[in-house]
């Protein structure tokens, strides 16, 4: 939204091209930095678009601030920025799909051994620890029966028979 305001003020003639480009660079850089603290992807995407808009103002046959920036450089920078942003998004999505390996949630899907069981409640041993467990159905489980952990609620494991 601020980038649109900057571009609008430039196109209406209130801000010179050099200042508009510098404002877009600063705004885009701040958004990319803000992405470290607000990991949603939206700030980085808007920041990259602001940086590209700033580069687009510099690109062209005329010299701006004594520098010539060709369209090839502009498209190269735009491609590199989107490639890095796309790679970060890909790695983030791949990381989020990984199975949880730490904490209580890592026990979901693992086998546990029944220590004692009475109807719908009992105690099981998993990863060398004793946990309270319960099931939806009344089960007759002798000691050392293997069961599977299906969920965890508070400090109680929800189990199903293997």
N, C-alpha and C. Protein backbone atom coordinates (compact mmCIF):
# COMPACT_ATOMS: atom_id res chain seq x y z
N UNK A 1 0.82 -1.18 0.00
CA UNK A 1 0.00 0.00 0.00
C UNK A 1 0.87 1.25 0.00
N UNK A 2 1.92 1.25 0.79
CA UNK A 2 2.82 2.40 0.82
C UNK A 2 3.56 2.50 -0.51
N UNK A 3 3.92 1.35 -1.08
CA UNK A 3 4.58 1.36 -2.38
C UNK A 3 3.67 1.97 -3.44
N UNK A 4 2.40 1.66 -3.40
CA UNK A 4 1.44 2.25 -4.34
C UNK A 4 1.35 3.76 -4.13
N UNK A 5 1.38 4.18 -2.89
CA UNK A 5 1.34 5.61 -2.59
C UNK A 5 2.58 6.31 -3.13
N UNK A 6 3.74 5.71 -2.94
CA UNK A 6 4.98 6.29 -3.46
C UNK A 6 4.94 6.38 -4.98
N UNK A 7 4.51 5.30 -5.63
CA UNK A 7 4.43 5.32 -7.10
C UNK A 7 3.40 6.34 -7.57
N UNK A 8 2.27 6.43 -6.88
CA UNK A 8 1.25 7.41 -7.25
C UNK A 8 1.75 8.84 -7.12
N UNK A 9 2.45 9.13 -6.02
CA UNK A 9 3.00 10.47 -5.85
C UNK A 9 4.04 10.79 -6.91
N UNK A 10 4.83 9.79 -7.30
CA UNK A 10 5.80 10.00 -8.38
C UNK A 10 5.10 10.27 -9.71
N UNK A 11 4.09 9.47 -10.03
CA UNK A 11 3.41 9.63 -11.31
C UNK A 11 2.61 10.94 -11.38
N UNK A 12 2.17 11.45 -10.24
CA UNK A 12 1.48 12.74 -10.22
C UNK A 12 2.46 13.92 -10.21
N UNK A 13 3.74 13.63 -10.10
CA UNK A 13 4.75 14.67 -10.18
C UNK A 13 5.13 15.29 -8.86
N UNK A 14 4.68 14.73 -7.75
CA UNK A 14 5.02 15.29 -6.45
C UNK A 14 6.39 14.85 -5.96
N UNK A 15 6.84 13.68 -6.38
CA UNK A 15 8.13 13.14 -5.96
C UNK A 15 8.96 12.88 -7.22
N UNK A 16 10.22 13.37 -7.26
CA UNK A 16 11.07 13.05 -8.41
C UNK A 16 11.37 11.55 -8.47
N UNK A 17 11.76 11.09 -9.66
CA UNK A 17 11.99 9.67 -9.87
C UNK A 17 13.08 9.12 -8.95
N UNK A 18 14.16 9.88 -8.76
CA UNK A 18 15.25 9.40 -7.91
C UNK A 18 14.78 9.18 -6.48
N UNK A 19 14.00 10.14 -5.96
CA UNK A 19 13.51 10.00 -4.59
C UNK A 19 12.51 8.85 -4.47
N UNK A 20 11.64 8.70 -5.45
CA UNK A 20 10.66 7.61 -5.42
C UNK A 20 11.37 6.26 -5.41
N UNK A 21 12.40 6.12 -6.24
CA UNK A 21 13.13 4.86 -6.29
C UNK A 21 13.83 4.58 -4.96
N UNK A 22 14.44 5.60 -4.38
CA UNK A 22 15.12 5.42 -3.09
C UNK A 22 14.10 5.06 -2.01
N UNK A 23 12.95 5.72 -2.00
CA UNK A 23 11.90 5.38 -1.02
C UNK A 23 11.44 3.93 -1.20
N UNK A 24 11.29 3.50 -2.44
CA UNK A 24 10.87 2.12 -2.70
C UNK A 24 11.94 1.13 -2.24
N UNK A 25 13.23 1.47 -2.46
CA UNK A 25 14.31 0.61 -1.98
C UNK A 25 14.27 0.49 -0.46
N UNK A 26 14.13 1.61 0.21
CA UNK A 26 14.11 1.60 1.68
C UNK A 26 12.90 0.83 2.19
N UNK A 27 11.73 1.11 1.63
CA UNK A 27 10.51 0.43 2.06
C UNK A 27 10.60 -1.07 1.79
N UNK A 28 11.08 -1.45 0.61
CA UNK A 28 11.23 -2.87 0.29
C UNK A 28 12.21 -3.56 1.21
N UNK A 29 13.33 -2.91 1.49
CA UNK A 29 14.31 -3.49 2.40
C UNK A 29 13.76 -3.66 3.81
N UNK A 30 13.00 -2.66 4.28
CA UNK A 30 12.40 -2.77 5.61
C UNK A 30 11.38 -3.91 5.67
N UNK A 31 10.61 -4.10 4.60
CA UNK A 31 9.65 -5.21 4.58
C UNK A 31 10.35 -6.56 4.58
N UNK A 32 11.43 -6.68 3.83
CA UNK A 32 12.17 -7.94 3.81
C UNK A 32 12.77 -8.21 5.19
N UNK A 33 13.28 -7.18 5.85
CA UNK A 33 13.80 -7.36 7.21
C UNK A 33 12.68 -7.68 8.19
N UNK A 34 11.51 -7.08 8.00
CA UNK A 34 10.38 -7.37 8.89
C UNK A 34 9.94 -8.82 8.78
N UNK A 35 10.21 -9.44 7.65
CA UNK A 35 9.82 -10.84 7.45
C UNK A 35 10.51 -11.76 8.46
N UNK A 36 11.68 -11.36 8.95
CA UNK A 36 12.36 -12.17 9.96
C UNK A 36 11.57 -12.23 11.25
N UNK A 37 10.79 -11.19 11.53
CA UNK A 37 10.04 -11.13 12.78
C UNK A 37 8.57 -11.49 12.58
N UNK A 38 8.07 -11.42 11.36
CA UNK A 38 6.67 -11.74 11.03
C UNK A 38 6.67 -12.79 9.94
N UNK A 39 6.98 -14.04 10.25
CA UNK A 39 7.18 -15.05 9.20
C UNK A 39 5.88 -15.52 8.55
N UNK A 40 5.31 -14.69 7.70
CA UNK A 40 4.10 -15.09 6.98
C UNK A 40 4.35 -15.19 5.49
N UNK A 41 5.39 -14.53 5.00
CA UNK A 41 5.67 -14.52 3.57
C UNK A 41 5.12 -13.30 2.88
N UNK A 42 4.10 -12.69 3.45
CA UNK A 42 3.45 -11.55 2.82
C UNK A 42 4.36 -10.32 2.83
N UNK A 43 5.04 -10.07 3.93
CA UNK A 43 5.93 -8.91 4.00
C UNK A 43 7.09 -9.07 3.03
N UNK A 44 7.66 -10.26 2.94
CA UNK A 44 8.78 -10.48 2.01
C UNK A 44 8.32 -10.33 0.57
N UNK A 45 7.16 -10.85 0.24
CA UNK A 45 6.66 -10.74 -1.13
C UNK A 45 6.44 -9.27 -1.50
N UNK A 46 5.80 -8.50 -0.62
CA UNK A 46 5.59 -7.08 -0.89
C UNK A 46 6.91 -6.32 -0.91
N UNK A 47 7.86 -6.71 -0.07
CA UNK A 47 9.16 -6.08 -0.07
C UNK A 47 9.90 -6.31 -1.38
N UNK A 48 9.84 -7.54 -1.88
CA UNK A 48 10.49 -7.84 -3.16
C UNK A 48 9.81 -7.06 -4.28
N UNK A 49 8.49 -6.97 -4.26
CA UNK A 49 7.79 -6.19 -5.28
C UNK A 49 8.18 -4.71 -5.21
N UNK A 50 8.35 -4.17 -4.01
CA UNK A 50 8.77 -2.78 -3.87
C UNK A 50 10.18 -2.58 -4.39
N UNK A 51 11.07 -3.53 -4.10
CA UNK A 51 12.43 -3.43 -4.63
C UNK A 51 12.43 -3.49 -6.16
N UNK A 52 11.61 -4.37 -6.71
CA UNK A 52 11.53 -4.48 -8.17
C UNK A 52 10.97 -3.19 -8.77
N UNK A 53 9.96 -2.60 -8.12
CA UNK A 53 9.42 -1.33 -8.61
C UNK A 53 10.48 -0.24 -8.56
N UNK A 54 11.29 -0.23 -7.51
CA UNK A 54 12.38 0.74 -7.43
C UNK A 54 13.40 0.54 -8.53
N UNK A 55 13.75 -0.72 -8.81
CA UNK A 55 14.68 -1.00 -9.90
C UNK A 55 14.07 -0.64 -11.25
N UNK A 56 12.77 -0.85 -11.40
CA UNK A 56 12.10 -0.52 -12.67
C UNK A 56 12.14 0.98 -12.94
N UNK A 57 12.10 1.79 -11.90
CA UNK A 57 12.22 3.24 -12.11
C UNK A 57 13.61 3.62 -12.60
N UNK A 58 14.62 2.86 -12.19
CA UNK A 58 15.98 3.15 -12.63
C UNK A 58 16.29 2.58 -14.02
N UNK A 59 15.57 1.55 -14.43
CA UNK A 59 15.90 0.88 -15.70
C UNK A 59 15.47 1.75 -16.87
N UNK A 60 16.27 1.72 -17.91
CA UNK A 60 15.91 2.46 -19.11
C UNK A 60 17.16 3.04 -19.76
N UNK A 61 16.97 3.70 -20.90
CA UNK A 61 18.12 4.21 -21.64
C UNK A 61 18.76 5.45 -21.02
N UNK A 62 18.02 6.20 -20.19
CA UNK A 62 18.59 7.42 -19.64
C UNK A 62 19.40 7.12 -18.38
N UNK A 63 20.33 8.00 -18.10
CA UNK A 63 21.17 7.84 -16.92
C UNK A 63 20.49 8.47 -15.72
N UNK A 64 20.41 7.73 -14.64
CA UNK A 64 19.81 8.24 -13.41
C UNK A 64 20.91 8.30 -12.36
N UNK A 65 21.09 9.47 -11.78
CA UNK A 65 22.15 9.68 -10.80
C UNK A 65 23.52 9.29 -11.36
N UNK A 66 23.69 9.43 -12.65
CA UNK A 66 24.95 9.10 -13.29
C UNK A 66 25.15 7.62 -13.54
N UNK A 67 24.14 6.80 -13.31
CA UNK A 67 24.25 5.35 -13.51
C UNK A 67 23.29 4.90 -14.59
N UNK A 68 23.78 4.05 -15.47
CA UNK A 68 22.90 3.45 -16.47
C UNK A 68 22.55 2.04 -16.00
N UNK A 69 21.26 1.76 -15.90
CA UNK A 69 20.79 0.44 -15.51
C UNK A 69 19.95 -0.09 -16.66
N UNK A 70 20.42 -1.15 -17.29
CA UNK A 70 19.70 -1.72 -18.42
C UNK A 70 18.59 -2.65 -17.97
N UNK A 71 17.71 -2.98 -18.94
CA UNK A 71 16.59 -3.87 -18.62
C UNK A 71 17.08 -5.28 -18.30
N UNK A 72 18.19 -5.69 -18.87
CA UNK A 72 18.74 -7.00 -18.55
C UNK A 72 19.13 -7.11 -17.09
N UNK A 73 19.74 -6.05 -16.57
CA UNK A 73 20.09 -6.02 -15.15
C UNK A 73 18.83 -6.05 -14.30
N UNK A 74 17.83 -5.27 -14.72
CA UNK A 74 16.56 -5.22 -13.98
C UNK A 74 15.93 -6.61 -13.91
N UNK A 75 15.81 -7.29 -15.07
CA UNK A 75 15.17 -8.61 -15.06
C UNK A 75 16.03 -9.64 -14.33
N UNK A 76 17.34 -9.50 -14.40
CA UNK A 76 18.21 -10.40 -13.65
C UNK A 76 18.03 -10.27 -12.15
N UNK A 77 17.96 -9.03 -11.68
CA UNK A 77 17.74 -8.80 -10.25
C UNK A 77 16.37 -9.29 -9.83
N UNK A 78 15.35 -9.01 -10.65
CA UNK A 78 13.99 -9.46 -10.32
C UNK A 78 13.93 -10.99 -10.26
N UNK A 79 14.57 -11.66 -11.23
CA UNK A 79 14.58 -13.12 -11.22
C UNK A 79 15.30 -13.65 -9.98
N UNK A 80 16.44 -13.05 -9.64
CA UNK A 80 17.19 -13.51 -8.48
C UNK A 80 16.39 -13.33 -7.19
N UNK A 81 15.71 -12.20 -7.06
CA UNK A 81 14.91 -11.97 -5.85
C UNK A 81 13.77 -12.97 -5.74
N UNK A 82 13.06 -13.21 -6.85
CA UNK A 82 11.96 -14.17 -6.80
C UNK A 82 12.47 -15.60 -6.62
N UNK A 83 13.64 -15.90 -7.16
CA UNK A 83 14.22 -17.24 -6.98
C UNK A 83 14.54 -17.47 -5.51
N UNK A 84 15.17 -16.50 -4.86
CA UNK A 84 15.51 -16.65 -3.44
C UNK A 84 14.25 -16.74 -2.60
N UNK A 85 13.25 -15.89 -2.88
CA UNK A 85 12.00 -15.94 -2.14
C UNK A 85 11.28 -17.27 -2.36
N UNK A 86 11.26 -17.76 -3.60
CA UNK A 86 10.63 -19.05 -3.90
C UNK A 86 11.35 -20.20 -3.21
N UNK A 87 12.69 -20.15 -3.19
CA UNK A 87 13.45 -21.20 -2.52
C UNK A 87 13.16 -21.21 -1.02
N UNK A 88 13.06 -20.03 -0.42
CA UNK A 88 12.73 -19.95 1.01
C UNK A 88 11.34 -20.50 1.29
N UNK A 89 10.38 -20.18 0.44
CA UNK A 89 9.02 -20.70 0.63
C UNK A 89 9.00 -22.21 0.46
N UNK A 90 9.72 -22.73 -0.55
CA UNK A 90 9.79 -24.18 -0.76
C UNK A 90 10.38 -24.89 0.46
N UNK A 91 11.49 -24.36 0.98
CA UNK A 91 12.12 -24.98 2.15
C UNK A 91 11.23 -24.89 3.38
N UNK A 92 10.52 -23.79 3.53
CA UNK A 92 9.61 -23.65 4.67
C UNK A 92 8.48 -24.66 4.59
N UNK A 93 7.90 -24.83 3.41
CA UNK A 93 6.81 -25.79 3.26
C UNK A 93 7.30 -27.22 3.47
N UNK A 94 8.50 -27.53 2.98
CA UNK A 94 9.05 -28.87 3.19
C UNK A 94 9.33 -29.11 4.67
N UNK A 95 9.80 -28.11 5.36
CA UNK A 95 10.07 -28.24 6.79
C UNK A 95 8.78 -28.44 7.58
N UNK A 96 7.72 -27.74 7.20
CA UNK A 96 6.46 -27.84 7.94
C UNK A 96 5.80 -29.20 7.77
N UNK A 97 6.10 -29.93 6.67
CA UNK A 97 5.50 -31.24 6.44
C UNK A 97 6.23 -32.36 7.17
N UNK A 98 7.39 -32.08 7.75
CA UNK A 98 8.14 -33.11 8.43
C UNK A 98 7.40 -33.57 9.68
N UNK A 99 7.59 -34.84 9.98
CA UNK A 99 6.97 -35.41 11.18
C UNK A 99 7.66 -34.82 12.42
N UNK A 100 6.88 -34.56 13.44
CA UNK A 100 7.42 -34.01 14.68
C UNK A 100 8.29 -35.07 15.35
N UNK A 101 9.50 -34.68 15.73
CA UNK A 101 10.44 -35.65 16.31
C UNK A 101 10.77 -35.35 17.76
N UNK A 102 10.27 -34.26 18.31
CA UNK A 102 10.55 -33.94 19.70
C UNK A 102 9.25 -33.63 20.42
N UNK A 103 9.29 -33.72 21.73
CA UNK A 103 8.12 -33.40 22.54
C UNK A 103 7.14 -34.56 22.60
N UNK A 104 6.04 -34.30 23.27
CA UNK A 104 5.03 -35.35 23.46
C UNK A 104 4.38 -35.75 22.15
N UNK A 105 4.25 -34.81 21.20
CA UNK A 105 3.61 -35.12 19.92
C UNK A 105 4.39 -36.15 19.11
N UNK A 106 5.67 -36.33 19.41
CA UNK A 106 6.47 -37.31 18.67
C UNK A 106 6.04 -38.74 18.99
N UNK A 107 5.29 -38.96 20.06
CA UNK A 107 4.86 -40.31 20.42
C UNK A 107 3.66 -40.78 19.61
N UNK A 108 2.98 -39.89 18.92
CA UNK A 108 1.80 -40.29 18.15
C UNK A 108 2.24 -41.24 17.05
N UNK A 109 1.58 -42.38 16.98
CA UNK A 109 1.91 -43.40 15.99
C UNK A 109 2.89 -44.45 16.48
N UNK A 110 3.50 -44.25 17.64
CA UNK A 110 4.45 -45.22 18.18
C UNK A 110 3.73 -46.28 19.00
N UNK A 111 4.42 -47.40 19.18
CA UNK A 111 3.86 -48.49 19.97
C UNK A 111 4.22 -48.31 21.44
N UNK A 112 3.30 -48.71 22.30
CA UNK A 112 3.51 -48.68 23.74
C UNK A 112 3.14 -50.05 24.30
N UNK A 113 3.70 -50.38 25.46
CA UNK A 113 3.40 -51.65 26.12
C UNK A 113 2.49 -51.38 27.31
N UNK A 114 1.42 -52.15 27.42
CA UNK A 114 0.47 -51.99 28.51
C UNK A 114 1.10 -52.52 29.80
N UNK A 115 1.05 -51.73 30.86
CA UNK A 115 1.50 -52.18 32.18
C UNK A 115 0.32 -52.73 32.97
N UNK A 116 -0.77 -51.98 32.99
CA UNK A 116 -2.00 -52.45 33.63
C UNK A 116 -3.16 -51.77 32.93
N UNK A 117 -4.29 -52.48 32.85
CA UNK A 117 -5.45 -51.94 32.14
C UNK A 117 -6.73 -52.38 32.82
N UNK A 118 -7.69 -51.43 32.89
CA UNK A 118 -8.97 -51.73 33.50
C UNK A 118 -10.06 -50.99 32.72
N UNK A 119 -10.75 -51.69 31.84
CA UNK A 119 -11.84 -51.09 31.06
C UNK A 119 -11.33 -50.12 30.01
N UNK A 120 -11.53 -48.82 30.27
CA UNK A 120 -11.12 -47.80 29.30
C UNK A 120 -9.86 -47.05 29.71
N UNK A 121 -9.31 -47.34 30.90
CA UNK A 121 -8.15 -46.60 31.40
C UNK A 121 -7.08 -47.56 31.88
N UNK A 122 -5.86 -47.03 31.91
CA UNK A 122 -4.76 -47.83 32.41
C UNK A 122 -3.45 -47.08 32.31
N UNK A 123 -2.34 -47.83 32.42
CA UNK A 123 -1.01 -47.25 32.31
C UNK A 123 -0.24 -48.00 31.24
N UNK A 124 0.56 -47.25 30.48
CA UNK A 124 1.38 -47.85 29.42
C UNK A 124 2.81 -47.34 29.56
N UNK A 125 3.74 -48.10 28.98
CA UNK A 125 5.14 -47.70 28.96
C UNK A 125 5.53 -47.40 27.51
N UNK A 126 6.07 -46.21 27.31
CA UNK A 126 6.53 -45.81 25.99
C UNK A 126 7.80 -44.98 26.17
N UNK A 127 8.81 -45.29 25.39
CA UNK A 127 10.11 -44.61 25.45
C UNK A 127 10.69 -44.63 26.87
N UNK A 128 10.45 -45.73 27.59
CA UNK A 128 11.00 -45.87 28.93
C UNK A 128 10.25 -45.10 30.00
N UNK A 129 9.14 -44.48 29.65
CA UNK A 129 8.36 -43.71 30.62
C UNK A 129 6.98 -44.34 30.80
N UNK A 130 6.40 -44.13 31.97
CA UNK A 130 5.05 -44.62 32.25
C UNK A 130 4.07 -43.48 32.08
N UNK A 131 3.01 -43.73 31.30
CA UNK A 131 2.00 -42.71 31.02
C UNK A 131 0.61 -43.25 31.35
N UNK A 132 -0.27 -42.35 31.77
CA UNK A 132 -1.69 -42.68 31.89
C UNK A 132 -2.24 -42.79 30.47
N UNK A 133 -3.13 -43.74 30.26
CA UNK A 133 -3.69 -43.92 28.92
C UNK A 133 -5.17 -44.22 29.02
N UNK A 134 -5.86 -43.95 27.93
CA UNK A 134 -7.29 -44.27 27.86
C UNK A 134 -7.63 -44.61 26.42
N UNK A 135 -8.75 -45.30 26.26
CA UNK A 135 -9.23 -45.65 24.93
C UNK A 135 -10.71 -45.30 24.84
N UNK A 136 -11.22 -45.23 23.63
CA UNK A 136 -12.64 -44.92 23.43
C UNK A 136 -13.52 -46.11 23.80
N UNK A 137 -12.99 -47.30 23.60
CA UNK A 137 -13.76 -48.52 23.85
C UNK A 137 -13.22 -49.23 25.09
N UNK A 138 -14.08 -49.96 25.76
CA UNK A 138 -13.64 -50.79 26.88
C UNK A 138 -12.85 -51.97 26.32
N UNK A 139 -11.62 -52.12 26.75
CA UNK A 139 -10.74 -53.16 26.24
C UNK A 139 -10.28 -54.06 27.38
N UNK A 140 -10.02 -55.31 27.03
CA UNK A 140 -9.45 -56.25 27.98
C UNK A 140 -8.02 -56.50 27.51
N UNK A 141 -7.07 -55.75 28.08
CA UNK A 141 -5.68 -55.83 27.63
C UNK A 141 -4.80 -56.41 28.73
N UNK A 142 -4.19 -57.57 28.48
CA UNK A 142 -3.25 -58.11 29.46
C UNK A 142 -1.94 -57.30 29.44
N UNK A 143 -1.13 -57.47 30.47
CA UNK A 143 0.15 -56.76 30.55
C UNK A 143 1.04 -57.12 29.37
N UNK A 144 1.85 -56.16 28.96
CA UNK A 144 2.80 -56.27 27.85
C UNK A 144 2.13 -56.36 26.48
N UNK A 145 0.85 -56.07 26.38
CA UNK A 145 0.19 -56.00 25.07
C UNK A 145 0.66 -54.73 24.36
N UNK A 146 0.93 -54.85 23.07
CA UNK A 146 1.36 -53.70 22.28
C UNK A 146 0.14 -52.92 21.80
N UNK A 147 0.15 -51.62 22.05
CA UNK A 147 -0.91 -50.72 21.59
C UNK A 147 -0.25 -49.55 20.85
N UNK A 148 -1.04 -48.81 20.10
CA UNK A 148 -0.54 -47.67 19.34
C UNK A 148 -1.11 -46.38 19.90
N UNK A 149 -0.26 -45.38 20.06
CA UNK A 149 -0.70 -44.07 20.55
C UNK A 149 -1.33 -43.32 19.38
N UNK A 150 -2.59 -42.91 19.54
CA UNK A 150 -3.29 -42.20 18.46
C UNK A 150 -3.41 -40.71 18.72
N UNK A 151 -3.35 -40.28 19.97
CA UNK A 151 -3.45 -38.85 20.29
C UNK A 151 -2.95 -38.62 21.70
N UNK A 152 -2.73 -37.35 22.02
CA UNK A 152 -2.31 -36.96 23.36
C UNK A 152 -3.19 -35.79 23.79
N UNK A 153 -3.79 -35.93 24.97
CA UNK A 153 -4.60 -34.84 25.52
C UNK A 153 -4.14 -34.63 26.95
N UNK A 154 -3.70 -33.41 27.25
CA UNK A 154 -3.12 -33.08 28.55
C UNK A 154 -1.95 -34.04 28.80
N UNK A 155 -2.01 -34.84 29.85
CA UNK A 155 -0.94 -35.81 30.13
C UNK A 155 -1.45 -37.24 30.00
N UNK A 156 -2.44 -37.43 29.15
CA UNK A 156 -3.03 -38.76 28.96
C UNK A 156 -2.92 -39.14 27.49
N UNK A 157 -2.44 -40.36 27.26
CA UNK A 157 -2.33 -40.87 25.89
C UNK A 157 -3.63 -41.53 25.48
N UNK A 158 -4.05 -41.30 24.27
CA UNK A 158 -5.21 -41.99 23.69
C UNK A 158 -4.63 -43.14 22.87
N UNK A 159 -5.10 -44.37 23.12
CA UNK A 159 -4.49 -45.52 22.46
C UNK A 159 -5.53 -46.30 21.68
N UNK A 160 -5.01 -47.05 20.72
CA UNK A 160 -5.80 -48.03 19.97
C UNK A 160 -5.00 -49.32 19.94
N UNK A 161 -5.69 -50.44 19.75
CA UNK A 161 -4.98 -51.71 19.70
C UNK A 161 -4.24 -51.80 18.37
N UNK A 162 -3.06 -52.40 18.42
CA UNK A 162 -2.22 -52.50 17.22
C UNK A 162 -2.76 -53.47 16.21
